PDB file of N, CA and C in Angstrom:
ATOM      1  N   MET A   1      -3.806 -15.707   2.388  1.00  0.00           N
ATOM      2  CA  MET A   1      -3.015 -16.536   3.273  1.00  0.00           C
ATOM      3  C   MET A   1      -3.870 -17.672   3.802  1.00  0.00           C
ATOM      4  N   THR A   2      -3.281 -18.834   3.803  1.00  0.00           N
ATOM      5  CA  THR A   2      -3.990 -19.986   4.361  1.00  0.00           C
ATOM      6  C   THR A   2      -3.875 -19.954   5.884  1.00  0.00           C
ATOM      7  N   ALA A   3      -4.678 -20.774   6.527  1.00  0.00           N
ATOM      8  CA  ALA A   3      -4.634 -20.850   7.989  1.00  0.00           C
ATOM      9  C   ALA A   3      -3.257 -21.309   8.464  1.00  0.00           C
ATOM     10  N   GLU A   4      -2.663 -22.218   7.730  1.00  0.00           N
ATOM     11  CA  GLU A   4      -1.326 -22.709   8.084  1.00  0.00           C
ATOM     12  C   GLU A   4      -0.280 -21.595   7.952  1.00  0.00           C
ATOM     13  N   GLU A   5      -0.359 -20.829   6.877  1.00  0.00           N
ATOM     14  CA  GLU A   5       0.574 -19.709   6.680  1.00  0.00           C
ATOM     15  C   GLU A   5       0.412 -18.665   7.781  1.00  0.00           C
ATOM     16  N   LEU A   6      -0.832 -18.385   8.162  1.00  0.00           N
ATOM     17  CA  LEU A   6      -1.082 -17.431   9.243  1.00  0.00           C
ATOM     18  C   LEU A   6      -0.511 -17.922  10.566  1.00  0.00           C
ATOM     19  N   GLU A   7      -0.644 -19.195  10.840  1.00  0.00           N
ATOM     20  CA  GLU A   7      -0.115 -19.744  12.093  1.00  0.00           C
ATOM     21  C   GLU A   7       1.410 -19.658  12.127  1.00  0.00           C
ATOM     22  N   LYS A   8       2.061 -19.982  11.015  1.00  0.00           N
ATOM     23  CA  LYS A   8       3.520 -19.870  10.942  1.00  0.00           C
ATOM     24  C   LYS A   8       3.959 -18.415  11.113  1.00  0.00           C
ATOM     25  N   PHE A   9       3.224 -17.519  10.473  1.00  0.00           N
ATOM     26  CA  PHE A   9       3.523 -16.098  10.577  1.00  0.00           C
ATOM     27  C   PHE A   9       3.360 -15.623  12.023  1.00  0.00           C
ATOM     28  N   LYS A  10       2.295 -16.084  12.673  1.00  0.00           N
ATOM     29  CA  LYS A  10       2.038 -15.711  14.063  1.00  0.00           C
ATOM     30  C   LYS A  10       3.177 -16.180  14.962  1.00  0.00           C
ATOM     31  N   GLN A  11       3.628 -17.405  14.769  1.00  0.00           N
ATOM     32  CA  GLN A  11       4.732 -17.934  15.566  1.00  0.00           C
ATOM     33  C   GLN A  11       6.006 -17.113  15.361  1.00  0.00           C
ATOM     34  N   LYS A  12       6.267 -16.753  14.111  1.00  0.00           N
ATOM     35  CA  LYS A  12       7.462 -15.956  13.812  1.00  0.00           C
ATOM     36  C   LYS A  12       7.378 -14.586  14.473  1.00  0.00           C
ATOM     37  N   LEU A  13       6.201 -13.960  14.412  1.00  0.00           N
ATOM     38  CA  LEU A  13       6.011 -12.665  15.064  1.00  0.00           C
ATOM     39  C   LEU A  13       6.224 -12.762  16.567  1.00  0.00           C
ATOM     40  N   GLU A  14       5.692 -13.799  17.171  1.00  0.00           N
ATOM     41  CA  GLU A  14       5.840 -13.978  18.617  1.00  0.00           C
ATOM     42  C   GLU A  14       7.307 -14.142  19.010  1.00  0.00           C
ATOM     43  N   GLU A  15       8.098 -14.775  18.140  1.00  0.00           N
ATOM     44  CA  GLU A  15       9.515 -15.001  18.423  1.00  0.00           C
ATOM     45  C   GLU A  15      10.367 -13.751  18.207  1.00  0.00           C
ATOM     46  N   THR A  16       9.960 -12.896  17.276  1.00  0.00           N
ATOM     47  CA  THR A  16      10.829 -11.787  16.866  1.00  0.00           C
ATOM     48  C   THR A  16      10.344 -10.402  17.268  1.00  0.00           C
ATOM     49  N   SER A  17       9.142 -10.294  17.782  1.00  0.00           N
ATOM     50  CA  SER A  17       8.579  -8.973  18.068  1.00  0.00           C
ATOM     51  C   SER A  17       8.214  -8.836  19.541  1.00  0.00           C
ATOM     52  N   THR A  18       8.192  -7.578  19.974  1.00  0.00           N
ATOM     53  CA  THR A  18       7.683  -7.268  21.311  1.00  0.00           C
ATOM     54  C   THR A  18       6.482  -6.348  21.142  1.00  0.00           C
ATOM     55  N   PHE A  19       5.535  -6.489  22.028  1.00  0.00           N
ATOM     56  CA  PHE A  19       4.304  -5.698  21.940  1.00  0.00           C
ATOM     57  C   PHE A  19       4.046  -5.031  23.262  1.00  0.00           C
ATOM     58  N   PRO A  20       3.395  -3.890  23.274  1.00  0.00           N
ATOM     59  CA  PRO A  20       2.896  -3.132  22.120  1.00  0.00           C
ATOM     60  C   PRO A  20       4.044  -2.524  21.325  1.00  0.00           C
ATOM     61  N   SER A  21       3.785  -2.297  20.038  1.00  0.00           N
ATOM     62  CA  SER A  21       4.782  -1.698  19.158  1.00  0.00           C
ATOM     63  C   SER A  21       4.101  -1.107  17.925  1.00  0.00           C
ATOM     64  N   VAL A  22       4.883  -0.365  17.170  1.00  0.00           N
ATOM     65  CA  VAL A  22       4.409   0.147  15.888  1.00  0.00           C
ATOM     66  C   VAL A  22       4.749  -0.920  14.846  1.00  0.00           C
ATOM     67  N   TYR A  23       3.744  -1.382  14.135  1.00  0.00           N
ATOM     68  CA  TYR A  23       3.943  -2.418  13.124  1.00  0.00           C
ATOM     69  C   TYR A  23       3.708  -1.812  11.746  1.00  0.00           C
ATOM     70  N   MET A  24       4.559  -2.181  10.787  1.00  0.00           N
ATOM     71  CA  MET A  24       4.413  -1.665   9.435  1.00  0.00           C
ATOM     72  C   MET A  24       3.795  -2.744   8.534  1.00  0.00           C
ATOM     73  N   PHE A  25       2.657  -2.412   7.952  1.00  0.00           N
ATOM     74  CA  PHE A  25       1.953  -3.280   7.013  1.00  0.00           C
ATOM     75  C   PHE A  25       2.211  -2.762   5.609  1.00  0.00           C
ATOM     76  N   LYS A  26       2.422  -3.675   4.653  1.00  0.00           N
ATOM     77  CA  LYS A  26       2.622  -3.273   3.263  1.00  0.00           C
ATOM     78  C   LYS A  26       1.768  -4.154   2.360  1.00  0.00           C
ATOM     79  N   PHE A  27       1.024  -3.494   1.470  1.00  0.00           N
ATOM     80  CA  PHE A  27       0.153  -4.196   0.536  1.00  0.00           C
ATOM     81  C   PHE A  27       0.266  -3.556  -0.845  1.00  0.00           C
ATOM     82  N   ILE A  28      -0.094  -4.332  -1.865  1.00  0.00           N
ATOM     83  CA  ILE A  28      -0.220  -3.807  -3.222  1.00  0.00           C
ATOM     84  C   ILE A  28      -1.597  -4.211  -3.731  1.00  0.00           C
ATOM     85  N   VAL A  29      -2.295  -3.240  -4.338  1.00  0.00           N
ATOM     86  CA  VAL A  29      -3.595  -3.506  -4.957  1.00  0.00           C
ATOM     87  C   VAL A  29      -3.649  -2.802  -6.306  1.00  0.00           C
ATOM     88  N   GLU A  30      -4.614  -3.199  -7.119  1.00  0.00           N
ATOM     89  CA  GLU A  30      -4.846  -2.482  -8.362  1.00  0.00           C
ATOM     90  C   GLU A  30      -5.246  -1.057  -8.023  1.00  0.00           C
ATOM     91  N   SER A  31      -4.871  -0.121  -8.872  1.00  0.00           N
ATOM     92  CA  SER A  31      -5.134   1.299  -8.609  1.00  0.00           C
ATOM     93  C   SER A  31      -6.597   1.647  -8.852  1.00  0.00           C
ATOM     94  N   GLU A  32      -7.454   1.075  -8.033  1.00  0.00           N
ATOM     95  CA  GLU A  32      -8.886   1.385  -8.066  1.00  0.00           C
ATOM     96  C   GLU A  32      -9.222   2.027  -6.730  1.00  0.00           C
ATOM     97  N   ASN A  33      -9.932   3.135  -6.780  1.00  0.00           N
ATOM     98  CA  ASN A  33     -10.255   3.856  -5.547  1.00  0.00           C
ATOM     99  C   ASN A  33     -10.917   2.961  -4.509  1.00  0.00           C
ATOM    100  N   ARG A  34     -11.783   2.082  -4.941  1.00  0.00           N
ATOM    101  CA  ARG A  34     -12.498   1.204  -4.001  1.00  0.00           C
ATOM    102  C   ARG A  34     -11.528   0.284  -3.267  1.00  0.00           C
ATOM    103  N   LYS A  35     -10.604  -0.333  -4.006  1.00  0.00           N
ATOM    104  CA  LYS A  35      -9.656  -1.260  -3.368  1.00  0.00           C
ATOM    105  C   LYS A  35      -8.703  -0.520  -2.434  1.00  0.00           C
ATOM    106  N   ILE A  36      -8.263   0.645  -2.848  1.00  0.00           N
ATOM    107  CA  ILE A  36      -7.382   1.441  -1.991  1.00  0.00           C
ATOM    108  C   ILE A  36      -8.123   1.814  -0.705  1.00  0.00           C
ATOM    109  N   ALA A  37      -9.376   2.222  -0.830  1.00  0.00           N
ATOM    110  CA  ALA A  37     -10.182   2.594   0.343  1.00  0.00           C
ATOM    111  C   ALA A  37     -10.402   1.395   1.257  1.00  0.00           C
ATOM    112  N   LEU A  38     -10.634   0.219   0.690  1.00  0.00           N
ATOM    113  CA  LEU A  38     -10.830  -0.982   1.504  1.00  0.00           C
ATOM    114  C   LEU A  38      -9.585  -1.269   2.345  1.00  0.00           C
ATOM    115  N   VAL A  39      -8.422  -1.117   1.749  1.00  0.00           N
ATOM    116  CA  VAL A  39      -7.182  -1.359   2.498  1.00  0.00           C
ATOM    117  C   VAL A  39      -7.012  -0.282   3.565  1.00  0.00           C
ATOM    118  N   GLU A  40      -7.201   0.968   3.210  1.00  0.00           N
ATOM    119  CA  GLU A  40      -7.037   2.052   4.185  1.00  0.00           C
ATOM    120  C   GLU A  40      -7.987   1.895   5.369  1.00  0.00           C
ATOM    121  N   ASN A  41      -9.165   1.343   5.131  1.00  0.00           N
ATOM    122  CA  ASN A  41     -10.150   1.155   6.198  1.00  0.00           C
ATOM    123  C   ASN A  41      -9.824   0.004   7.138  1.00  0.00           C
ATOM    124  N   LEU A  42      -8.775  -0.735   6.850  1.00  0.00           N
ATOM    125  CA  LEU A  42      -8.332  -1.789   7.762  1.00  0.00           C
ATOM    126  C   LEU A  42      -7.676  -1.210   9.013  1.00  0.00           C
ATOM    127  N   PHE A  43      -7.330   0.085   8.956  1.00  0.00           N
ATOM    128  CA  PHE A  43      -6.509   0.686  10.000  1.00  0.00           C
ATOM    129  C   PHE A  43      -7.262   1.757  10.778  1.00  0.00           C
ATOM    130  N   ASP A  44      -6.759   2.026  11.982  1.00  0.00           N
ATOM    131  CA  ASP A  44      -7.317   3.065  12.833  1.00  0.00           C
ATOM    132  C   ASP A  44      -7.087   4.436  12.207  1.00  0.00           C
ATOM    133  N   ALA A  45      -7.848   5.410  12.644  1.00  0.00           N
ATOM    134  CA  ALA A  45      -7.702   6.780  12.146  1.00  0.00           C
ATOM    135  C   ALA A  45      -6.315   7.344  12.450  1.00  0.00           C
ATOM    136  N   GLU A  46      -5.684   6.858  13.512  1.00  0.00           N
ATOM    137  CA  GLU A  46      -4.368   7.361  13.913  1.00  0.00           C
ATOM    138  C   GLU A  46      -3.218   6.736  13.123  1.00  0.00           C
ATOM    139  N   ALA A  47      -3.485   5.732  12.307  1.00  0.00           N
ATOM    140  CA  ALA A  47      -2.430   5.055  11.551  1.00  0.00           C
ATOM    141  C   ALA A  47      -1.803   6.017  10.552  1.00  0.00           C
ATOM    142  N   ASP A  48      -0.510   5.837  10.326  1.00  0.00           N
ATOM    143  CA  ASP A  48       0.242   6.618   9.345  1.00  0.00           C
ATOM    144  C   ASP A  48       0.213   5.835   8.034  1.00  0.00           C
ATOM    145  N   ILE A  49      -0.567   6.302   7.062  1.00  0.00           N
ATOM    146  CA  ILE A  49      -0.782   5.569   5.812  1.00  0.00           C
ATOM    147  C   ILE A  49      -0.223   6.367   4.641  1.00  0.00           C
ATOM    148  N   HIS A  50       0.575   5.672   3.808  1.00  0.00           N
ATOM    149  CA  HIS A  50       1.131   6.285   2.606  1.00  0.00           C
ATOM    150  C   HIS A  50       0.815   5.397   1.408  1.00  0.00           C
ATOM    151  N   THR A  51       0.483   6.031   0.296  1.00  0.00           N
ATOM    152  CA  THR A  51       0.232   5.289  -0.934  1.00  0.00           C
ATOM    153  C   THR A  51       1.182   5.781  -2.020  1.00  0.00           C
ATOM    154  N   LYS A  52       1.520   4.871  -2.930  1.00  0.00           N
ATOM    155  CA  LYS A  52       2.371   5.229  -4.054  1.00  0.00           C
ATOM    156  C   LYS A  52       1.932   4.422  -5.264  1.00  0.00           C
ATOM    157  N   GLU A  53       1.632   5.128  -6.326  1.00  0.00           N
ATOM    158  CA  GLU A  53       1.192   4.483  -7.552  1.00  0.00           C
ATOM    159  C   GLU A  53       2.399   3.991  -8.339  1.00  0.00           C
ATOM    160  N   SER A  54       2.253   2.850  -9.010  1.00  0.00           N
ATOM    161  CA  SER A  54       3.339   2.312  -9.820  1.00  0.00           C
ATOM    162  C   SER A  54       3.588   3.218 -11.026  1.00  0.00           C
ATOM    163  N   GLY A  55       4.700   3.013 -11.656  1.00  0.00           N
ATOM    164  CA  GLY A  55       5.082   3.852 -12.796  1.00  0.00           C
ATOM    165  C   GLY A  55       4.049   3.868 -13.911  1.00  0.00           C
ATOM    166  N   ASN A  56       3.432   2.729 -14.174  1.00  0.00           N
ATOM    167  CA  ASN A  56       2.414   2.677 -15.228  1.00  0.00           C
ATOM    168  C   ASN A  56       1.011   2.981 -14.716  1.00  0.00           C
ATOM    169  N   GLY A  57       0.885   3.193 -13.396  1.00  0.00           N
ATOM    170  CA  GLY A  57      -0.400   3.559 -12.806  1.00  0.00           C
ATOM    171  C   GLY A  57      -1.365   2.414 -12.590  1.00  0.00           C
ATOM    172  N   ARG A  58      -0.929   1.202 -12.863  1.00  0.00           N
ATOM    173  CA  ARG A  58      -1.836   0.060 -12.742  1.00  0.00           C
ATOM    174  C   ARG A  58      -1.997  -0.410 -11.305  1.00  0.00           C
ATOM    175  N   TYR A  59      -0.962  -0.268 -10.500  1.00  0.00           N
ATOM    176  CA  TYR A  59      -0.991  -0.740  -9.115  1.00  0.00           C
ATOM    177  C   TYR A  59      -0.652   0.384  -8.144  1.00  0.00           C
ATOM    178  N   THR A  60      -1.098   0.212  -6.906  1.00  0.00           N
ATOM    179  CA  THR A  60      -0.784   1.159  -5.835  1.00  0.00           C
ATOM    180  C   THR A  60      -0.261   0.374  -4.645  1.00  0.00           C
ATOM    181  N   SER A  61       0.889   0.825  -4.117  1.00  0.00           N
ATOM    182  CA  SER A  61       1.397   0.220  -2.889  1.00  0.00           C
ATOM    183  C   SER A  61       0.891   1.049  -1.713  1.00  0.00           C
ATOM    184  N   ILE A  62       0.548   0.363  -0.658  1.00  0.00           N
ATOM    185  CA  ILE A  62       0.024   1.011   0.538  1.00  0.00           C
ATOM    186  C   ILE A  62       0.861   0.556   1.725  1.00  0.00           C
ATOM    187  N   THR A  63       1.436   1.521   2.426  1.00  0.00           N
ATOM    188  CA  THR A  63       2.217   1.254   3.623  1.00  0.00           C
ATOM    189  C   THR A  63       1.511   1.919   4.790  1.00  0.00           C
ATOM    190  N   ALA A  64       1.258   1.152   5.828  1.00  0.00           N
ATOM    191  CA  ALA A  64       0.572   1.685   7.005  1.00  0.00           C
ATOM    192  C   ALA A  64       1.352   1.310   8.252  1.00  0.00           C
ATOM    193  N   LYS A  65       1.606   2.306   9.085  1.00  0.00           N
ATOM    194  CA  LYS A  65       2.230   2.069  10.383  1.00  0.00           C
ATOM    195  C   LYS A  65       1.176   2.322  11.445  1.00  0.00           C
ATOM    196  N   GLN A  66       0.987   1.311  12.287  1.00  0.00           N
ATOM    197  CA  GLN A  66      -0.056   1.405  13.302  1.00  0.00           C
ATOM    198  C   GLN A  66       0.435   0.772  14.607  1.00  0.00           C
ATOM    199  N   VAL A  67       0.031   1.354  15.714  1.00  0.00           N
ATOM    200  CA  VAL A  67       0.352   0.773  17.009  1.00  0.00           C
ATOM    201  C   VAL A  67      -0.540  -0.452  17.214  1.00  0.00           C
ATOM    202  N   VAL A  68       0.103  -1.569  17.530  1.00  0.00           N
ATOM    203  CA  VAL A  68      -0.638  -2.801  17.827  1.00  0.00           C
ATOM    204  C   VAL A  68      -0.259  -3.266  19.222  1.00  0.00           C
ATOM    205  N   MET A  69      -1.208  -3.812  19.929  1.00  0.00           N
ATOM    206  CA  MET A  69      -0.998  -4.223  21.310  1.00  0.00           C
ATOM    207  C   MET A  69      -0.482  -5.653  21.439  1.00  0.00           C
ATOM    208  N   ASN A  70      -0.785  -6.488  20.423  1.00  0.00           N
ATOM    209  CA  ASN A  70      -0.352  -7.886  20.478  1.00  0.00           C
ATOM    210  C   ASN A  70      -0.349  -8.489  19.078  1.00  0.00           C
ATOM    211  N   VAL A  71       0.152  -9.695  18.980  1.00  0.00           N
ATOM    212  CA  VAL A  71       0.280 -10.364  17.689  1.00  0.00           C
ATOM    213  C   VAL A  71      -1.087 -10.619  17.048  1.00  0.00           C
ATOM    214  N   ASP A  72      -2.119 -10.833  17.853  1.00  0.00           N
ATOM    215  CA  ASP A  72      -3.449 -11.094  17.308  1.00  0.00           C
ATOM    216  C   ASP A  72      -3.992  -9.907  16.519  1.00  0.00           C
ATOM    217  N   GLU A  73      -3.655  -8.689  16.930  1.00  0.00           N
ATOM    218  CA  GLU A  73      -4.093  -7.510  16.169  1.00  0.00           C
ATOM    219  C   GLU A  73      -3.469  -7.498  14.774  1.00  0.00           C
ATOM    220  N   VAL A  74      -2.213  -7.896  14.684  1.00  0.00           N
ATOM    221  CA  VAL A  74      -1.539  -7.977  13.382  1.00  0.00           C
ATOM    222  C   VAL A  74      -2.225  -9.027  12.514  1.00  0.00           C
ATOM    223  N   ILE A  75      -2.445 -10.192  13.076  1.00  0.00           N
ATOM    224  CA  ILE A  75      -3.074 -11.292  12.335  1.00  0.00           C
ATOM    225  C   ILE A  75      -4.473 -10.905  11.873  1.00  0.00           C
ATOM    226  N   ASN A  76      -5.233 -10.210  12.700  1.00  0.00           N
ATOM    227  CA  ASN A  76      -6.588  -9.799  12.321  1.00  0.00           C
ATOM    228  C   ASN A  76      -6.587  -8.871  11.118  1.00  0.00           C
ATOM    229  N   VAL A  77      -5.610  -7.968  11.040  1.00  0.00           N
ATOM    230  CA  VAL A  77      -5.517  -7.083   9.873  1.00  0.00           C
ATOM    231  C   VAL A  77      -5.273  -7.910   8.617  1.00  0.00           C
ATOM    232  N   TYR A  78      -4.358  -8.872   8.704  1.00  0.00           N
ATOM    233  CA  TYR A  78      -4.070  -9.701   7.538  1.00  0.00           C
ATOM    234  C   TYR A  78      -5.255 -10.575   7.146  1.00  0.00           C
ATOM    235  N   LYS A  79      -6.014 -11.068   8.105  1.00  0.00           N
ATOM    236  CA  LYS A  79      -7.206 -11.860   7.795  1.00  0.00           C
ATOM    237  C   LYS A  79      -8.235 -11.017   7.049  1.00  0.00           C
ATOM    238  N   LYS A  80      -8.451  -9.792   7.518  1.00  0.00           N
ATOM    239  CA  LYS A  80      -9.404  -8.903   6.843  1.00  0.00           C
ATOM    240  C   LYS A  80      -8.895  -8.517   5.466  1.00  0.00           C
ATOM    241  N   ALA A  81      -7.590  -8.269   5.353  1.00  0.00           N
ATOM    242  CA  ALA A  81      -7.011  -7.889   4.063  1.00  0.00           C
ATOM    243  C   ALA A  81      -7.154  -9.012   3.046  1.00  0.00           C
ATOM    244  N   ALA A  82      -7.073 -10.245   3.507  1.00  0.00           N
ATOM    245  CA  ALA A  82      -7.165 -11.394   2.605  1.00  0.00           C
ATOM    246  C   ALA A  82      -8.515 -11.463   1.895  1.00  0.00           C
ATOM    247  N   GLU A  83      -9.513 -10.777   2.416  1.00  0.00           N
ATOM    248  CA  GLU A  83     -10.835 -10.762   1.799  1.00  0.00           C
ATOM    249  C   GLU A  83     -10.903  -9.809   0.606  1.00  0.00           C
ATOM    250  N   ILE A  84      -9.884  -8.983   0.413  1.00  0.00           N
ATOM    251  CA  ILE A  84      -9.856  -8.026  -0.699  1.00  0.00           C
ATOM    252  C   ILE A  84      -9.288  -8.737  -1.922  1.00  0.00           C
ATOM    253  N   LYS A  85     -10.079  -8.824  -2.967  1.00  0.00           N
ATOM    254  CA  LYS A  85      -9.691  -9.560  -4.162  1.00  0.00           C
ATOM    255  C   LYS A  85      -8.456  -8.935  -4.808  1.00  0.00           C
ATOM    256  N   GLY A  86      -7.456  -9.778  -5.077  1.00  0.00           N
ATOM    257  CA  GLY A  86      -6.271  -9.349  -5.797  1.00  0.00           C
ATOM    258  C   GLY A  86      -5.191  -8.686  -4.953  1.00  0.00           C
ATOM    259  N   ILE A  87      -5.378  -8.617  -3.639  1.00  0.00           N
ATOM    260  CA  ILE A  87      -4.400  -7.959  -2.792  1.00  0.00           C
ATOM    261  C   ILE A  87      -3.118  -8.795  -2.713  1.00  0.00           C
ATOM    262  N   ILE A  88      -1.995  -8.109  -2.640  1.00  0.00           N
ATOM    263  CA  ILE A  88      -0.693  -8.762  -2.498  1.00  0.00           C
ATOM    264  C   ILE A  88      -0.097  -8.292  -1.180  1.00  0.00           C
ATOM    265  N   PHE A  89       0.358  -9.245  -0.372  1.00  0.00           N
ATOM    266  CA  PHE A  89       1.011  -8.929   0.905  1.00  0.00           C
ATOM    267  C   PHE A  89       2.510  -8.840   0.685  1.00  0.00           C
ATOM    268  N   LEU A  90       3.119  -7.862   1.325  1.00  0.00           N
ATOM    269  CA  LEU A  90       4.590  -7.761   1.272  1.00  0.00           C
ATOM    270  C   LEU A  90       5.151  -7.903   2.655  1.00  0.00           C
TER     271      LEU A  90
END
């Protein structure tokens, strides 16, 4: 995500969300243990994380529900996730 995309996303979150709340993050990565672990490590130990491998086993979707206190916590997760090569945001 570019800085401009993040700012637009932040504005949309501020308009449509109330905090604190449980926020659902969704990502897709190649089915490599390292990449899956990198995504899972973006979240607190208390986060509810589920993974599902694609039918051909090439990709894994990761859904994480985590309590966030404000919009900046959401944005920080996406900024860190953007550093993972090949990650797809949903």
